[in-house]
Protein backbone atom coordinates (compact mmCIF):
# COMPACT_ATOMS: atom_id res chain seq x y z
CA LYS A 1 -11.83 13.24 -29.45
CA ASN A 2 -8.84 11.32 -30.85
CA LEU A 3 -5.96 12.87 -28.68
CA GLU A 4 -3.97 11.45 -25.38
CA VAL A 5 -1.24 13.19 -24.24
CA SER A 6 1.07 11.88 -21.75
CA PRO A 7 2.37 14.28 -19.49
CA LEU A 8 5.12 12.42 -17.93
CA PRO A 9 8.41 12.63 -19.35
CA TRP A 10 9.74 9.49 -20.36
CA SER A 11 13.38 8.19 -20.41
CA ALA A 12 14.99 6.62 -23.53
CA GLU A 13 14.39 3.43 -22.20
CA ASP A 14 10.61 4.03 -21.74
CA LEU A 15 10.31 5.50 -24.99
CA THR A 16 12.00 2.61 -26.79
CA SER A 17 9.55 0.26 -25.02
CA LYS A 18 6.28 2.13 -24.89
CA ILE A 19 6.02 3.93 -28.09
CA SER A 20 5.02 0.60 -30.40
CA ASN A 21 1.87 0.43 -27.98
CA GLN A 22 1.02 4.11 -28.02
CA SER A 23 1.72 4.12 -31.66
CA LYS A 24 -0.84 1.50 -32.50
CA LYS A 25 -3.58 3.59 -30.92
CA PHE A 26 -3.31 6.07 -33.32
CA THR A 27 -2.70 7.40 -36.67
CA PHE A 28 0.13 9.76 -35.53
CA THR A 29 2.04 9.54 -32.16
CA ILE A 30 4.10 12.84 -31.68
CA ILE A 31 7.07 13.01 -29.34
CA ASP A 32 8.48 16.09 -28.32
CA CYS A 33 12.03 16.35 -27.09
CA GLY A 34 13.57 18.90 -25.56
CA PRO A 35 16.71 20.16 -27.56
CA ALA A 36 19.27 19.99 -24.12
CA ASN A 37 18.87 15.83 -24.31
CA ASP A 38 20.74 14.01 -26.64
CA ARG A 39 20.00 10.73 -25.53
CA ILE A 40 16.24 11.02 -25.89
CA THR A 41 16.41 13.06 -29.03
CA ARG A 42 18.41 10.41 -30.63
CA THR A 43 16.04 7.53 -29.36
CA ALA A 44 12.91 9.50 -30.73
CA LEU A 45 14.53 9.65 -34.04
CA ALA A 46 15.20 5.93 -33.98
CA VAL A 47 11.64 5.26 -33.70
CA SER A 48 10.21 7.86 -36.10
CA ASP A 49 9.11 8.39 -39.90
CA PHE A 50 9.34 11.91 -39.59
CA ALA A 51 10.88 14.61 -37.72
CA ILE A 52 9.75 18.14 -37.55
CA ILE A 53 12.33 20.53 -36.28
CA PRO A 54 11.26 23.86 -34.96
CA VAL A 55 13.19 26.70 -35.21
CA THR A 56 12.89 30.10 -33.69
CA PRO A 57 14.05 32.68 -35.80
CA SER A 58 17.12 33.79 -34.14
CA PRO A 59 20.66 33.24 -35.21
CA TYR A 60 21.34 30.99 -32.01
CA ASP A 61 18.46 28.72 -32.81
CA ILE A 62 18.99 28.35 -36.50
CA HIS A 63 22.94 27.35 -35.56
CA SER A 64 21.27 24.60 -33.22
CA VAL A 65 19.41 23.12 -36.13
CA ARG A 66 22.53 21.68 -37.65
CA LYS A 67 23.14 19.57 -34.41
CA THR A 68 19.90 17.99 -34.85
CA LEU A 69 20.54 17.58 -38.55
CA ASP A 70 24.04 15.91 -37.80
CA MET A 71 22.04 13.16 -35.60
CA ILE A 72 19.64 12.47 -38.39
CA HIS A 73 22.24 11.73 -40.64
CA GLU A 74 24.19 9.73 -38.19
CA GLY A 75 21.44 7.56 -37.57
CA LYS A 76 21.04 7.05 -41.53
CA ASN A 77 24.85 6.72 -41.92
CA GLU A 78 25.40 4.24 -39.09
CA ALA A 79 22.06 1.99 -38.64
CA GLY A 80 20.22 2.47 -41.92
CA ILE A 81 17.46 4.78 -40.16
CA GLU A 82 15.39 6.88 -42.44
CA VAL A 83 13.67 9.75 -41.04
CA GLN A 84 12.16 12.44 -43.54
CA SER A 85 12.92 15.88 -42.02
CA TYR A 86 10.99 19.38 -42.18
CA LEU A 87 11.75 22.78 -40.29
CA LEU A 88 9.16 24.59 -39.03
CA ILE A 89 9.35 28.44 -38.18
CA SER A 90 8.12 28.88 -34.73
CA ARG A 91 7.92 31.37 -32.10
CA LYS A 92 7.99 34.01 -34.99
CA ILE A 93 7.59 37.53 -33.86
CA VAL A 94 5.15 39.07 -36.41
CA GLY A 95 6.81 42.14 -37.97
CA THR A 96 9.99 42.01 -37.32
CA ASN A 97 13.06 41.36 -39.39
CA LEU A 98 14.15 38.27 -37.89
CA GLY A 99 10.60 37.00 -38.73
CA ARG A 100 10.67 37.90 -42.44
CA GLU A 101 13.67 36.86 -43.24
CA ALA A 102 13.70 33.47 -41.27
CA ARG A 103 12.53 31.12 -44.37
CA ASP A 104 15.27 32.49 -46.22
CA ALA A 105 18.08 31.77 -43.84
CA LEU A 106 16.53 28.34 -43.40
CA LYS A 107 16.86 27.29 -47.20
CA ALA A 108 20.69 26.78 -46.63
CA PHE A 109 19.88 23.54 -44.74
CA LYS A 110 18.36 21.98 -48.10
CA ILE A 111 15.39 20.19 -46.47
CA PRO A 112 11.70 21.09 -46.83
CA ILE A 113 10.41 23.88 -44.95
CA LEU A 114 6.96 23.94 -43.85
CA ARG A 115 4.53 26.72 -45.34
CA THR A 116 2.87 27.06 -41.75
CA GLU A 117 4.43 29.58 -39.17
CA ILE A 118 3.64 29.34 -35.54
CA CYS A 119 4.12 32.96 -34.28
CA GLN A 120 4.80 34.08 -30.83
CA ARG A 121 1.72 34.38 -28.91
CA VAL A 122 0.71 35.27 -25.28
CA ALA A 123 -2.26 32.39 -25.35
CA LEU A 124 0.16 29.97 -26.19
CA CYS A 125 2.27 30.57 -22.86
CA GLU A 126 -0.89 30.74 -20.95
CA ALA A 127 -2.59 27.56 -22.12
CA GLY A 128 0.95 26.02 -21.24
CA ILE A 129 0.98 27.31 -17.93
CA LEU A 130 -2.43 25.76 -17.29
CA GLY A 131 -1.54 22.43 -18.67
CA GLN A 132 -4.09 22.93 -21.72
CA THR A 133 -3.65 22.76 -25.45
CA ILE A 134 -4.18 25.88 -27.21
CA GLN A 135 -7.30 24.54 -28.71
CA GLU A 136 -8.51 24.22 -24.98
CA TYR A 137 -7.60 27.38 -23.80
CA ALA A 138 -8.36 29.60 -26.87
CA GLY A 139 -10.24 27.82 -29.70
CA ASN A 140 -11.08 30.96 -31.79
CA SER A 141 -7.29 32.29 -31.91
CA GLN A 142 -5.02 33.03 -34.03
CA ALA A 143 -2.88 30.59 -32.18
CA THR A 144 -5.32 27.92 -32.81
CA ASP A 145 -5.66 28.39 -36.40
CA GLU A 146 -1.68 28.35 -36.86
CA PHE A 147 -1.72 24.74 -35.31
CA ASP A 148 -4.67 23.94 -36.91
CA ASP A 149 -2.80 24.68 -40.12
CA LEU A 150 -0.04 22.56 -39.12
CA GLY A 151 -2.32 19.61 -39.03
CA LYS A 152 -3.73 20.01 -42.17
CA GLU A 153 -0.05 20.19 -43.78
CA VAL A 154 1.20 17.37 -42.23
CA LEU A 155 -1.65 15.26 -43.12
CA LYS A 156 -1.29 16.55 -46.52
CA TRP A 157 2.41 15.43 -46.96
CA GLN A 158 1.84 12.32 -45.10
CA ARG A 159 -1.06 11.07 -47.38
CA GLN A 160 1.47 11.96 -50.28
CA ASP A 161 4.13 9.93 -48.65
CA SER A 162 1.77 6.90 -48.41
CA ALA A 163 0.74 7.29 -52.34
CA ARG A 164 4.41 6.57 -52.97
């Protein structure tokens, strides 16, 4: 098992000081930022090579992507920080027009959209309530398959990026 979860929220200062030690232990360090904390998001972007921006198929969430992309562009313009960005369709409700049309709507941002889509699944909510990963809670579920597919896709583009 090559996974360590730090359940405590870090401040922007903690993130800056601790991320370098954390990232030495693993191939990937994932920083999950809430959408409402600009300071921690900016700090996370400053120490990141890649950003996966989850987008719920809703007009409100799709609109909020612009704010995150603006932060990425500001970091590049003001500090020369290069962050490769990808959009991830998340919490997609299967069988709805919003779910089917999300990919086309996101093309307007002109950044890569991951092929993997994470659907709205009860098992994800239940795992979160219990403080477990989806793999721990429901190892043979569609939700686990989607996250496994996401991991494989991230590894694939990471290998491609390393080859350049």
